[in-house]
Structure formats: structure tokens, C-alpha cells
Protein backbone atom coordinates (compact mmCIF):
# COMPACT_ATOMS: atom_id res chain seq x y z
CA MET A 1 156.05 12.01 -45.24
CA ARG A 2 153.73 9.69 -43.41
CA GLY A 3 156.66 7.67 -42.00
CA LEU A 4 158.09 10.90 -40.55
CA VAL A 5 155.05 11.74 -38.41
CA ILE A 6 155.58 9.02 -35.77
CA PRO A 7 159.28 9.82 -35.08
CA VAL A 8 158.48 13.54 -34.83
CA LEU A 9 155.63 12.92 -32.38
CA LEU A 10 157.84 10.59 -30.37
CA ALA A 11 160.62 13.21 -30.24
CA LEU A 12 158.15 15.86 -29.08
CA ALA A 13 156.80 13.56 -26.37
CA LEU A 14 160.29 12.78 -25.11
CA ALA A 15 161.25 16.46 -25.14
CA ALA A 16 158.24 17.24 -22.96
CA CYS A 17 159.38 14.60 -20.43
CA ASP A 18 162.68 16.40 -19.97
CA SER A 19 161.01 19.53 -18.60
CA PHE A 20 158.78 17.63 -16.14
CA ASP A 21 160.23 17.43 -12.63
CA PRO A 22 158.05 15.53 -10.13
CA TYR A 23 159.43 17.59 -7.23
CA GLU A 24 158.03 20.75 -8.80
CA ARG A 25 154.43 19.51 -8.73
CA GLU A 26 152.16 21.21 -6.27
CA GLY A 27 151.67 19.14 -3.12
CA SER A 28 154.77 17.00 -3.60
CA TRP A 29 157.51 16.53 -1.02
CA ARG A 30 160.50 18.85 -1.26
CA PRO A 31 163.83 18.28 0.52
CA SER A 32 164.05 20.81 3.33
CA ALA A 33 167.09 19.84 5.44
CA ALA A 34 164.75 18.69 8.23
CA ASN A 35 167.21 16.03 9.44
CA GLU A 36 169.97 18.58 9.91
CA SER A 37 167.62 20.95 11.71
CA ASN A 38 166.44 18.21 14.07
CA LEU A 39 170.01 17.13 14.82
CA ARG A 40 171.01 20.69 15.65
CA ALA A 41 168.00 21.02 17.96
CA MET A 42 169.00 17.85 19.88
CA LEU A 43 172.58 18.91 20.54
CA VAL A 44 173.46 20.53 23.82
CA GLU A 45 176.72 21.87 22.41
CA PRO A 46 176.40 22.88 18.72
CA ASP A 47 180.17 22.53 18.26
CA GLU A 48 179.77 18.75 18.64
CA LEU A 49 178.61 18.67 15.02
CA PHE A 50 182.19 19.35 13.99
CA VAL A 51 184.39 18.09 16.85
CA GLY A 52 183.49 15.07 18.97
CA THR A 53 183.85 14.92 22.71
CA SER A 54 185.20 12.05 24.76
CA GLU A 55 183.36 10.26 27.50
CA ARG A 56 184.08 11.58 30.98
CA GLY A 57 186.85 9.59 32.63
CA SER A 58 187.89 7.93 29.36
CA ASP A 59 191.05 8.64 27.43
CA GLY A 60 190.21 6.37 24.49
CA GLN A 61 192.94 3.86 25.29
CA MET A 62 190.64 0.81 25.12
CA GLY A 63 189.41 1.80 21.68
CA GLY A 64 192.96 2.51 20.55
CA VAL A 65 194.14 -0.93 21.66
CA ALA A 66 191.30 -2.59 19.75
CA VAL A 67 192.16 -0.68 16.58
CA GLU A 68 195.83 -1.59 16.98
CA ARG A 69 194.92 -5.30 17.25
CA LEU A 70 192.77 -5.00 14.14
CA ARG A 71 195.55 -3.32 12.16
CA ASN A 72 198.13 -5.92 13.27
CA ASP A 73 195.78 -8.82 12.44
CA ARG A 74 195.60 -9.98 16.08
CA VAL A 75 191.83 -9.77 16.60
CA ARG A 76 190.63 -11.69 19.64
CA ALA A 77 187.92 -14.33 19.26
CA LEU A 78 184.58 -13.75 20.93
CA PRO A 79 184.09 -15.62 24.20
CA ALA A 80 182.13 -18.88 24.07
CA SER A 81 178.46 -18.61 24.92
CA ARG A 82 175.96 -21.30 25.85
CA LEU A 83 173.09 -19.24 24.46
CA VAL A 84 173.80 -19.23 20.73
CA GLN A 85 176.30 -21.10 18.59
CA ILE A 86 177.24 -19.12 15.49
CA GLY A 87 179.01 -20.85 12.67
CA ALA A 88 178.78 -22.28 9.20
CA GLY A 89 176.41 -25.17 8.73
CA GLY A 90 173.01 -26.29 7.59
CA GLY A 91 169.95 -24.51 8.87
CA GLY A 92 167.47 -27.39 9.01
CA GLN A 93 167.97 -28.43 12.62
């Protein structure tokens, strides 16, 4: 009987943890869709949430060409720069 007391108390303690939700405590943060509300307030045209708009004077051809090069494994190398050399090597210099 005495050996049964500890497992029963442990089971009761664990059962009480299941009903405790920290978001239900008074004064705790609750998700309120604030990000979505702020995004909607910043949009001039609410339909832009669902359908994008292109830049004026652009038909997307430059972006399409870049994607085509990526898909065909013909990505261009970045131009050389005298400011920073990026590459594999030791970092102690």
C-alpha cells in the first residue's frame, strides 16, 4: 500500500499539468493577429494581399531571364570587386 502512494501522487500531479495552459493565465500574452492587421493597414490596395502588382514600366523579363538561367544551370558569376574577396580559406589573416 505504501509503495502505491508515490505513483498515485505522481499521476495526479501530471494530470494537473495537462489542464494548465500558460496562455490562459491572467496578464499573459495572447495571439491576436496583430501582424495581419498592421499589414492590412499599410496596404494602399487591399487586393495586393492576394495578387501582386508589377513595377511600373517593368514586364518581368529580367527576372524571368534570371530564373531561366538558374533552371538551366547557367548562373553567371558575380563581377570581381576590389573591396572584398569572398572565398574558401583560413580566417587568421
